[in-house]
């Protein structure tokens, strides 16, 4: 069974940087880390090595304007 918790929200660049720093601090630590998603806190147990995927997309469209995005995915097998 898989539980999925997700959210979409708009943040300032500073808020987004703070959120990424909070995630980085969690990965820097040993053992478990807590990730806040909306009003829920999820406890994760990343091992010493994680697999990561980074995707950067640049789109140019006459009708919709230019768009850029970055997707960062980290995954691992749980040891718990």
N, C-alpha and C. Protein backbone atom coordinates (compact mmCIF):
# COMPACT_ATOMS: atom_id res chain seq x y z
N UNK A 1 0.84 -1.18 0.00
CA UNK A 1 0.00 0.00 0.00
C UNK A 1 0.89 1.24 0.00
N UNK A 2 0.51 2.22 -0.77
CA UNK A 2 1.29 3.46 -0.84
C UNK A 2 0.43 4.63 -0.39
N UNK A 3 0.97 5.43 0.50
CA UNK A 3 0.32 6.67 0.91
C UNK A 3 1.02 7.80 0.18
N UNK A 4 0.25 8.72 -0.37
CA UNK A 4 0.82 9.85 -1.10
C UNK A 4 0.27 11.13 -0.51
N UNK A 5 1.17 12.03 -0.15
CA UNK A 5 0.78 13.33 0.36
C UNK A 5 1.43 14.36 -0.54
N UNK A 6 0.64 15.23 -1.12
CA UNK A 6 1.21 16.23 -2.02
C UNK A 6 0.44 17.54 -1.93
N UNK A 7 1.09 18.60 -2.37
CA UNK A 7 0.47 19.91 -2.37
C UNK A 7 1.08 20.75 -3.48
N UNK A 8 0.34 21.72 -3.91
CA UNK A 8 0.84 22.72 -4.85
C UNK A 8 0.55 24.08 -4.25
N UNK A 9 1.57 24.90 -4.15
CA UNK A 9 1.36 26.25 -3.62
C UNK A 9 2.36 27.20 -4.24
N UNK A 10 2.06 28.45 -4.18
CA UNK A 10 2.96 29.49 -4.68
C UNK A 10 3.75 30.05 -3.50
N UNK A 11 5.07 30.13 -3.69
CA UNK A 11 5.96 30.67 -2.66
C UNK A 11 6.83 31.73 -3.30
N UNK A 12 7.32 32.63 -2.46
CA UNK A 12 8.34 33.55 -2.95
C UNK A 12 9.63 32.77 -3.15
N UNK A 13 10.57 33.36 -3.87
CA UNK A 13 11.86 32.70 -4.06
C UNK A 13 12.52 32.43 -2.71
N UNK A 14 12.41 33.38 -1.78
CA UNK A 14 13.01 33.22 -0.46
C UNK A 14 12.36 32.08 0.31
N UNK A 15 11.03 31.99 0.27
CA UNK A 15 10.33 30.90 0.95
C UNK A 15 10.73 29.54 0.36
N UNK A 16 10.84 29.48 -0.96
CA UNK A 16 11.22 28.24 -1.63
C UNK A 16 12.65 27.84 -1.24
N UNK A 17 13.56 28.81 -1.19
CA UNK A 17 14.94 28.53 -0.78
C UNK A 17 14.96 28.02 0.66
N UNK A 18 14.16 28.62 1.54
CA UNK A 18 14.09 28.16 2.93
C UNK A 18 13.59 26.71 3.02
N UNK A 19 12.59 26.38 2.20
CA UNK A 19 12.04 25.02 2.18
C UNK A 19 13.11 24.03 1.70
N UNK A 20 13.85 24.40 0.65
CA UNK A 20 14.92 23.53 0.17
C UNK A 20 16.02 23.36 1.22
N UNK A 21 16.34 24.44 1.95
CA UNK A 21 17.34 24.35 3.03
C UNK A 21 16.87 23.41 4.13
N UNK A 22 15.59 23.48 4.46
CA UNK A 22 15.03 22.59 5.48
C UNK A 22 15.17 21.13 5.03
N UNK A 23 14.89 20.86 3.76
CA UNK A 23 15.06 19.50 3.24
C UNK A 23 16.52 19.09 3.27
N UNK A 24 17.41 20.00 2.86
CA UNK A 24 18.84 19.71 2.87
C UNK A 24 19.33 19.40 4.28
N UNK A 25 18.87 20.15 5.27
CA UNK A 25 19.25 19.90 6.66
C UNK A 25 18.80 18.51 7.10
N UNK A 26 17.62 18.10 6.65
CA UNK A 26 17.12 16.77 6.99
C UNK A 26 17.98 15.67 6.39
N UNK A 27 18.42 15.87 5.15
CA UNK A 27 19.29 14.87 4.52
C UNK A 27 20.69 14.89 5.12
N UNK A 28 21.14 16.03 5.64
CA UNK A 28 22.46 16.12 6.28
C UNK A 28 22.51 15.35 7.60
N UNK A 29 21.38 15.24 8.25
CA UNK A 29 21.35 14.57 9.54
C UNK A 29 21.45 13.06 9.40
N UNK A 30 21.51 12.40 10.52
CA UNK A 30 21.54 10.94 10.55
C UNK A 30 20.14 10.43 10.90
N UNK A 31 19.75 9.35 10.27
CA UNK A 31 18.48 8.73 10.62
C UNK A 31 17.29 9.38 9.95
N UNK A 32 16.23 9.55 10.73
CA UNK A 32 14.97 10.01 10.16
C UNK A 32 14.94 11.53 9.98
N UNK A 33 14.04 11.95 9.10
CA UNK A 33 13.82 13.38 8.88
C UNK A 33 12.33 13.61 8.73
N UNK A 34 11.86 14.77 9.14
CA UNK A 34 10.45 15.13 9.02
C UNK A 34 10.29 16.11 7.87
N UNK A 35 9.28 15.87 7.04
CA UNK A 35 8.97 16.75 5.92
C UNK A 35 7.54 17.25 6.11
N UNK A 36 7.37 18.56 6.08
CA UNK A 36 6.04 19.15 6.22
C UNK A 36 5.41 19.34 4.85
N UNK A 37 4.18 18.84 4.72
CA UNK A 37 3.39 19.01 3.50
C UNK A 37 2.01 19.48 3.94
N UNK A 38 1.72 20.76 3.64
CA UNK A 38 0.48 21.39 4.13
C UNK A 38 0.45 21.29 5.65
N UNK A 39 -0.61 20.66 6.21
CA UNK A 39 -0.73 20.59 7.66
C UNK A 39 -0.31 19.22 8.21
N UNK A 40 0.45 18.48 7.40
CA UNK A 40 0.86 17.13 7.78
C UNK A 40 2.39 17.05 7.84
N UNK A 41 2.91 16.32 8.80
CA UNK A 41 4.34 16.07 8.89
C UNK A 41 4.58 14.59 8.61
N UNK A 42 5.44 14.30 7.63
CA UNK A 42 5.74 12.93 7.23
C UNK A 42 7.17 12.61 7.66
N UNK A 43 7.36 11.51 8.35
CA UNK A 43 8.70 11.10 8.78
C UNK A 43 9.28 10.14 7.76
N UNK A 44 10.47 10.46 7.26
CA UNK A 44 11.16 9.63 6.28
C UNK A 44 12.45 9.10 6.89
N UNK A 45 12.94 8.01 6.31
CA UNK A 45 14.15 7.36 6.81
C UNK A 45 15.12 7.13 5.65
N UNK A 46 15.73 8.20 5.12
CA UNK A 46 16.63 8.00 3.99
C UNK A 46 17.94 7.34 4.41
N UNK A 47 18.45 6.43 3.58
CA UNK A 47 19.75 5.81 3.87
C UNK A 47 20.88 6.77 3.50
N UNK A 48 22.11 6.30 3.59
CA UNK A 48 23.27 7.14 3.27
C UNK A 48 23.36 7.49 1.80
N UNK A 49 22.77 6.69 0.92
CA UNK A 49 22.78 6.99 -0.51
C UNK A 49 21.34 7.01 -1.03
N UNK A 50 21.03 8.03 -1.81
CA UNK A 50 19.71 8.14 -2.44
C UNK A 50 19.90 8.31 -3.94
N UNK A 51 18.95 7.84 -4.70
CA UNK A 51 18.95 8.02 -6.14
C UNK A 51 18.21 9.31 -6.45
N UNK A 52 18.79 10.14 -7.30
CA UNK A 52 18.16 11.42 -7.63
C UNK A 52 17.99 11.57 -9.13
N UNK A 53 16.92 12.24 -9.51
CA UNK A 53 16.65 12.61 -10.89
C UNK A 53 16.40 14.12 -10.91
N UNK A 54 17.06 14.81 -11.81
CA UNK A 54 16.85 16.25 -11.97
C UNK A 54 16.45 16.50 -13.41
N UNK A 55 15.35 17.22 -13.61
CA UNK A 55 14.85 17.52 -14.94
C UNK A 55 14.62 19.03 -15.06
N UNK A 56 15.18 19.63 -16.07
CA UNK A 56 14.97 21.04 -16.34
C UNK A 56 14.29 21.16 -17.70
N UNK A 57 13.21 21.92 -17.76
CA UNK A 57 12.45 22.08 -18.99
C UNK A 57 12.33 23.56 -19.32
N UNK A 58 12.64 23.91 -20.55
CA UNK A 58 12.46 25.27 -21.06
C UNK A 58 11.50 25.17 -22.24
N UNK A 59 10.40 25.92 -22.17
CA UNK A 59 9.41 25.89 -23.24
C UNK A 59 9.20 27.30 -23.77
N UNK A 60 9.11 27.39 -25.06
CA UNK A 60 8.83 28.68 -25.68
C UNK A 60 7.56 28.52 -26.51
N UNK A 61 6.59 29.36 -26.24
CA UNK A 61 5.32 29.28 -26.94
C UNK A 61 4.83 30.69 -27.25
N UNK A 62 4.42 30.90 -28.46
CA UNK A 62 3.92 32.23 -28.86
C UNK A 62 2.63 32.56 -28.10
N UNK A 63 1.75 31.60 -27.95
CA UNK A 63 0.46 31.86 -27.32
C UNK A 63 0.52 31.88 -25.79
N UNK A 64 1.34 31.06 -25.20
CA UNK A 64 1.36 30.95 -23.74
C UNK A 64 2.55 31.62 -23.10
N UNK A 65 3.50 32.08 -23.86
CA UNK A 65 4.68 32.70 -23.29
C UNK A 65 5.73 31.66 -22.90
N UNK A 66 6.89 32.12 -22.53
CA UNK A 66 7.97 31.23 -22.15
C UNK A 66 7.73 30.67 -20.75
N UNK A 67 8.09 29.40 -20.55
CA UNK A 67 7.95 28.75 -19.24
C UNK A 67 9.21 27.96 -18.96
N UNK A 68 9.58 27.92 -17.70
CA UNK A 68 10.71 27.13 -17.26
C UNK A 68 10.28 26.35 -16.02
N UNK A 69 10.86 25.17 -15.85
CA UNK A 69 10.55 24.38 -14.65
C UNK A 69 11.74 23.50 -14.30
N UNK A 70 11.79 23.14 -13.04
CA UNK A 70 12.79 22.19 -12.57
C UNK A 70 12.06 21.17 -11.70
N UNK A 71 12.38 19.92 -11.92
CA UNK A 71 11.82 18.85 -11.11
C UNK A 71 12.95 18.08 -10.45
N UNK A 72 12.83 17.87 -9.16
CA UNK A 72 13.86 17.16 -8.41
C UNK A 72 13.17 15.99 -7.70
N UNK A 73 13.68 14.79 -7.94
CA UNK A 73 13.09 13.60 -7.35
C UNK A 73 14.20 12.83 -6.64
N UNK A 74 13.99 12.47 -5.40
CA UNK A 74 14.93 11.63 -4.65
C UNK A 74 14.16 10.41 -4.18
N UNK A 75 14.74 9.24 -4.37
CA UNK A 75 14.05 8.02 -3.95
C UNK A 75 15.03 6.98 -3.45
N UNK A 76 14.52 6.09 -2.61
CA UNK A 76 15.34 5.06 -1.98
C UNK A 76 14.42 3.97 -1.45
N UNK A 77 15.01 2.83 -1.16
CA UNK A 77 14.27 1.75 -0.49
C UNK A 77 14.34 2.00 1.01
N UNK A 78 13.21 1.96 1.63
CA UNK A 78 13.15 2.21 3.07
C UNK A 78 13.82 1.09 3.84
N UNK A 79 14.56 1.46 4.86
CA UNK A 79 15.20 0.47 5.73
C UNK A 79 14.35 0.20 6.96
N UNK A 80 13.24 0.88 7.09
CA UNK A 80 12.36 0.72 8.26
C UNK A 80 11.35 -0.37 8.00
